[in-house]
Amino acid sequence: MGSLPVGEPAAHTPASAAAGIAGAIGMLEGRWKLEILFHLFGGQVRRFSELERAIPAVSQKMLIQQLRQLEQDGIVARRVYPEVPPRVEYWLTDWGQSLCPALDALLQWAERREGRAGAG
């Protein structure tokens, strides 16, 4: 028996698959994280103030907290420019951008469920 080709994921047990998905969902948990991601998909680079305006219901403190968590998880990158006042920009890392197809598939899955709600 040969080894798996480079880049091929190892086979999962039900327990390891469930743990892996739970960990991924944990990184996306947070009232505003998904909305932040959708504002950054497609290579968008957004200033902090642009994100504040785009998501008016979020407090500045919560937006900062959610962005920091996404940055710590390697999903979002940040650059601070040495200006007065400081300019801070956010964008998705390549790994963060790779979430787009998975979230699109999840959205389509949810939409199919909504379509079935009236048929049941």
Protein backbone atom coordinates (compact mmCIF):
# COMPACT_ATOMS: atom_id res chain seq x y z
CA MET A 1 0.00 0.00 0.00
CA GLY A 2 1.34 3.40 -0.94
CA SER A 3 1.07 6.61 1.00
CA LEU A 4 -1.46 9.31 0.17
CA PRO A 5 -0.43 11.77 -2.54
CA VAL A 6 0.99 15.03 -1.24
CA GLY A 7 -1.82 17.43 -0.37
CA GLU A 8 -4.42 14.68 0.07
CA PRO A 9 -6.10 14.77 3.48
CA ALA A 10 -5.95 11.69 5.66
CA ALA A 11 -9.13 9.67 6.06
CA HIS A 12 -11.18 10.72 9.05
CA THR A 13 -13.09 8.74 11.58
CA PRO A 14 -16.55 10.06 12.43
CA ALA A 15 -15.12 11.47 15.66
CA SER A 16 -12.15 13.21 14.02
CA ALA A 17 -14.38 14.60 11.24
CA ALA A 18 -16.84 15.97 13.80
CA ALA A 19 -14.01 17.49 15.85
CA GLY A 20 -12.49 19.09 12.76
CA ILE A 21 -15.78 20.65 11.68
CA ALA A 22 -16.50 21.81 15.25
CA GLY A 23 -13.11 23.52 15.33
CA ALA A 24 -13.75 25.25 12.01
CA ILE A 25 -17.19 26.40 13.11
CA GLY A 26 -15.65 27.65 16.36
CA MET A 27 -13.38 29.98 14.38
CA LEU A 28 -16.45 31.45 12.65
CA GLU A 29 -18.60 31.78 15.76
CA GLY A 30 -19.30 35.33 16.72
CA ARG A 31 -22.18 37.66 16.00
CA TRP A 32 -20.35 39.60 13.26
CA LYS A 33 -17.60 37.32 11.89
CA LEU A 34 -19.52 35.96 8.92
CA GLU A 35 -20.71 39.41 7.91
CA ILE A 36 -17.14 40.72 8.16
CA LEU A 37 -15.96 37.85 5.94
CA PHE A 38 -18.58 38.56 3.29
CA HIS A 39 -17.42 42.20 3.19
CA LEU A 40 -13.85 41.02 2.58
CA PHE A 41 -14.41 38.19 0.07
CA GLY A 42 -13.19 38.69 -3.47
CA GLY A 43 -9.93 40.33 -2.49
CA GLN A 44 -11.56 43.36 -0.89
CA VAL A 45 -9.28 45.48 1.30
CA ARG A 46 -11.32 47.52 3.75
CA ARG A 47 -10.34 50.20 6.18
CA PHE A 48 -11.64 49.83 9.70
CA SER A 49 -13.92 52.84 9.22
CA GLU A 50 -15.37 51.27 6.05
CA LEU A 51 -16.24 48.11 7.95
CA GLU A 52 -17.85 50.22 10.70
CA ARG A 53 -20.04 51.96 8.12
CA ALA A 54 -20.83 48.71 6.29
CA ILE A 55 -22.02 47.03 9.51
CA PRO A 56 -23.77 49.87 11.38
CA ALA A 57 -25.27 47.66 14.11
CA VAL A 58 -21.87 46.53 15.43
CA SER A 59 -20.13 48.52 18.16
CA GLN A 60 -16.56 49.64 17.61
CA LYS A 61 -15.41 47.48 20.53
CA MET A 62 -17.11 44.36 19.14
CA LEU A 63 -15.82 44.97 15.63
CA ILE A 64 -12.27 45.25 16.97
CA GLN A 65 -12.72 42.07 19.02
CA GLN A 66 -14.12 40.05 16.11
CA LEU A 67 -11.40 41.28 13.72
CA ARG A 68 -8.68 40.42 16.25
CA GLN A 69 -10.05 36.89 16.66
CA LEU A 70 -10.18 36.41 12.89
CA GLU A 71 -6.62 37.71 12.66
CA GLN A 72 -5.42 35.38 15.43
CA ASP A 73 -6.97 32.45 13.58
CA GLY A 74 -5.12 33.41 10.38
CA ILE A 75 -8.30 34.23 8.44
CA VAL A 76 -7.86 38.01 8.26
CA ALA A 77 -4.69 40.08 7.89
CA ARG A 78 -4.21 43.65 9.09
CA ARG A 79 -1.88 46.49 8.18
CA VAL A 80 -1.46 49.64 10.27
CA TYR A 81 -0.03 52.64 8.44
CA PRO A 82 2.13 55.03 10.47
CA GLU A 83 -0.07 58.05 9.88
CA VAL A 84 -2.00 60.46 12.06
CA PRO A 85 -4.72 59.43 12.48
CA PRO A 86 -3.63 55.82 11.97
CA ARG A 87 -5.05 54.04 8.94
CA VAL A 88 -5.80 50.35 9.46
CA GLU A 89 -6.71 48.03 6.59
CA TYR A 90 -8.04 44.48 6.69
CA TRP A 91 -8.20 41.76 4.04
CA LEU A 92 -8.57 38.00 3.90
CA THR A 93 -5.51 35.82 3.87
CA ASP A 94 -5.37 33.21 1.11
CA TRP A 95 -6.57 30.70 3.69
CA GLY A 96 -9.43 33.00 4.67
CA GLN A 97 -10.37 33.55 1.02
CA SER A 98 -10.53 29.76 0.59
CA LEU A 99 -13.56 29.80 2.90
CA CYS A 100 -15.66 31.43 0.18
CA PRO A 101 -16.66 28.23 -1.70
CA ALA A 102 -17.48 26.44 1.56
CA LEU A 103 -19.66 29.30 2.79
CA ASP A 104 -21.32 29.62 -0.62
CA ALA A 105 -22.14 25.89 -0.48
CA LEU A 106 -23.52 26.28 3.04
CA LEU A 107 -25.66 29.23 1.93
CA GLN A 108 -27.05 27.21 -0.99
CA TRP A 109 -27.76 24.34 1.40
CA ALA A 110 -29.65 26.71 3.74
CA GLU A 111 -31.60 28.19 0.83
CA ARG A 112 -32.71 24.71 -0.23
CA ARG A 113 -34.01 24.15 3.30
CA GLU A 114 -35.93 27.43 3.20
CA GLY A 115 -37.50 26.33 -0.07
CA ARG A 116 -38.66 23.08 1.56
CA ALA A 117 -40.18 24.81 4.61
CA GLY A 118 -43.46 25.56 2.82
CA ALA A 119 -43.62 22.10 1.23
CA GLY A 120 -43.44 20.15 4.47
